[in-house]
């Protein structure tokens, strides 16, 4: 499976996840929030991470799962479902 196809299938949102792993700064830029917000999400376990030589990294799939949970939790008007292997936005 190509990386672009994998990104589309696991991330139907308008966020382009072009890396396999993201640093705290990259996540803060991606979500347009302060680094301290990302730090809280990592510290409280809301967003899983792993360490690479002492630097926190978050996997692309965990970011997509986090977005799914946030949409389900907030009942966002812009939602999506996967039907017949394709993402449908409504």
C-alpha atoms as a PDB file:
ATOM      1  CA  UNK A   1       0.000   0.000   0.000  1.00  0.00           C
ATOM      2  CA  UNK A   2       1.412   3.368  -0.950  1.00  0.00           C
ATOM      3  CA  UNK A   3       1.990   5.928   1.786  1.00  0.00           C
ATOM      4  CA  UNK A   4      -0.460   8.407   0.201  1.00  0.00           C
ATOM      5  CA  UNK A   5      -3.174   5.739  -0.039  1.00  0.00           C
ATOM      6  CA  UNK A   6      -2.532   4.700   3.575  1.00  0.00           C
ATOM      7  CA  UNK A   7      -2.787   8.331   4.720  1.00  0.00           C
ATOM      8  CA  UNK A   8      -6.105   8.775   2.909  1.00  0.00           C
ATOM      9  CA  UNK A   9      -7.560   5.562   4.268  1.00  0.00           C
ATOM     10  CA  UNK A  10      -6.532   6.264   7.854  1.00  0.00           C
ATOM     11  CA  UNK A  11      -7.019  10.039   7.780  1.00  0.00           C
ATOM     12  CA  UNK A  12     -10.120  11.362   6.008  1.00  0.00           C
ATOM     13  CA  UNK A  13      -9.585  14.801   7.494  1.00  0.00           C
ATOM     14  CA  UNK A  14      -8.073  17.790   5.804  1.00  0.00           C
ATOM     15  CA  UNK A  15      -4.877  17.398   7.812  1.00  0.00           C
ATOM     16  CA  UNK A  16      -1.998  16.154   5.703  1.00  0.00           C
ATOM     17  CA  UNK A  17      -0.091  13.594   7.692  1.00  0.00           C
ATOM     18  CA  UNK A  18       2.998  13.172   5.542  1.00  0.00           C
ATOM     19  CA  UNK A  19       5.332  11.760   8.203  1.00  0.00           C
ATOM     20  CA  UNK A  20       5.206   8.469  10.076  1.00  0.00           C
ATOM     21  CA  UNK A  21       6.027  10.213  13.396  1.00  0.00           C
ATOM     22  CA  UNK A  22       5.614  13.743  14.762  1.00  0.00           C
ATOM     23  CA  UNK A  23       7.453  15.754  17.419  1.00  0.00           C
ATOM     24  CA  UNK A  24       5.680  17.978  19.941  1.00  0.00           C
ATOM     25  CA  UNK A  25       6.502  21.089  17.896  1.00  0.00           C
ATOM     26  CA  UNK A  26       5.215  19.505  14.690  1.00  0.00           C
ATOM     27  CA  UNK A  27       1.977  18.494  16.453  1.00  0.00           C
ATOM     28  CA  UNK A  28       1.547  21.987  17.876  1.00  0.00           C
ATOM     29  CA  UNK A  29       1.941  23.418  14.368  1.00  0.00           C
ATOM     30  CA  UNK A  30      -0.390  20.785  12.890  1.00  0.00           C
ATOM     31  CA  UNK A  31      -3.205  21.538  15.345  1.00  0.00           C
ATOM     32  CA  UNK A  32      -2.428  25.272  15.680  1.00  0.00           C
ATOM     33  CA  UNK A  33      -2.079  25.037  19.455  1.00  0.00           C
ATOM     34  CA  UNK A  34       0.689  25.852  21.920  1.00  0.00           C
ATOM     35  CA  UNK A  35       3.297  23.205  22.733  1.00  0.00           C
ATOM     36  CA  UNK A  36       2.067  23.152  26.331  1.00  0.00           C
ATOM     37  CA  UNK A  37      -1.319  21.910  25.065  1.00  0.00           C
ATOM     38  CA  UNK A  38       0.396  19.035  23.265  1.00  0.00           C
ATOM     39  CA  UNK A  39       2.485  18.356  26.361  1.00  0.00           C
ATOM     40  CA  UNK A  40      -0.677  18.019  28.472  1.00  0.00           C
ATOM     41  CA  UNK A  41      -2.255  15.641  25.944  1.00  0.00           C
ATOM     42  CA  UNK A  42       0.855  13.468  26.058  1.00  0.00           C
ATOM     43  CA  UNK A  43       1.275  13.639  29.836  1.00  0.00           C
ATOM     44  CA  UNK A  44      -2.307  12.672  30.628  1.00  0.00           C
ATOM     45  CA  UNK A  45      -2.249   9.780  28.140  1.00  0.00           C
ATOM     46  CA  UNK A  46      -4.826  11.263  25.781  1.00  0.00           C
ATOM     47  CA  UNK A  47      -2.317  11.048  22.944  1.00  0.00           C
ATOM     48  CA  UNK A  48       0.120   8.095  23.133  1.00  0.00           C
ATOM     49  CA  UNK A  49       3.796   8.713  22.478  1.00  0.00           C
ATOM     50  CA  UNK A  50       7.153   6.989  22.552  1.00  0.00           C
ATOM     51  CA  UNK A  51      10.661   8.278  23.156  1.00  0.00           C
ATOM     52  CA  UNK A  52      13.466   8.461  20.624  1.00  0.00           C
ATOM     53  CA  UNK A  53      16.664   9.393  22.442  1.00  0.00           C
ATOM     54  CA  UNK A  54      14.630  11.326  25.009  1.00  0.00           C
ATOM     55  CA  UNK A  55      12.440  13.134  22.461  1.00  0.00           C
ATOM     56  CA  UNK A  56       8.698  12.456  22.439  1.00  0.00           C
ATOM     57  CA  UNK A  57       7.232  11.233  19.144  1.00  0.00           C
ATOM     58  CA  UNK A  58       3.644  10.416  18.166  1.00  0.00           C
ATOM     59  CA  UNK A  59       2.756   7.958  15.406  1.00  0.00           C
ATOM     60  CA  UNK A  60       0.578   9.100  12.502  1.00  0.00           C
ATOM     61  CA  UNK A  61      -2.051   6.410  13.238  1.00  0.00           C
ATOM     62  CA  UNK A  62      -2.353   7.632  16.843  1.00  0.00           C
ATOM     63  CA  UNK A  63      -3.000  11.157  15.594  1.00  0.00           C
ATOM     64  CA  UNK A  64      -5.805   9.892  13.310  1.00  0.00           C
ATOM     65  CA  UNK A  65      -7.309   7.889  16.210  1.00  0.00           C
ATOM     66  CA  UNK A  66      -7.109  10.956  18.461  1.00  0.00           C
ATOM     67  CA  UNK A  67      -9.000  12.998  15.854  1.00  0.00           C
ATOM     68  CA  UNK A  68     -11.658  10.268  15.588  1.00  0.00           C
ATOM     69  CA  UNK A  69     -12.132  10.268  19.366  1.00  0.00           C
ATOM     70  CA  UNK A  70     -12.374  14.060  19.505  1.00  0.00           C
ATOM     71  CA  UNK A  71     -14.984  14.128  16.745  1.00  0.00           C
ATOM     72  CA  UNK A  72     -17.021  11.386  18.443  1.00  0.00           C
ATOM     73  CA  UNK A  73     -16.734  13.157  21.800  1.00  0.00           C
ATOM     74  CA  UNK A  74     -17.727  16.602  20.525  1.00  0.00           C
ATOM     75  CA  UNK A  75     -20.330  15.404  18.033  1.00  0.00           C
ATOM     76  CA  UNK A  76     -18.761  17.548  15.340  1.00  0.00           C
ATOM     77  CA  UNK A  77     -21.063  18.547  12.497  1.00  0.00           C
ATOM     78  CA  UNK A  78     -18.387  17.620   9.986  1.00  0.00           C
ATOM     79  CA  UNK A  79     -18.098  13.897  10.330  1.00  0.00           C
ATOM     80  CA  UNK A  80     -17.094  10.940   8.225  1.00  0.00           C
ATOM     81  CA  UNK A  81     -17.688   7.217   7.981  1.00  0.00           C
ATOM     82  CA  UNK A  82     -15.986   4.439   6.108  1.00  0.00           C
ATOM     83  CA  UNK A  83     -18.357   2.596   3.805  1.00  0.00           C
ATOM     84  CA  UNK A  84     -17.295  -0.052   1.306  1.00  0.00           C
ATOM     85  CA  UNK A  85     -13.660   0.732   2.046  1.00  0.00           C
ATOM     86  CA  UNK A  86     -14.047   4.430   1.171  1.00  0.00           C
ATOM     87  CA  UNK A  87     -14.357   7.449   3.464  1.00  0.00           C
ATOM     88  CA  UNK A  88     -17.631   9.316   3.089  1.00  0.00           C
ATOM     89  CA  UNK A  89     -17.871  12.833   4.515  1.00  0.00           C
ATOM     90  CA  UNK A  90     -21.182  14.426   5.407  1.00  0.00           C
END
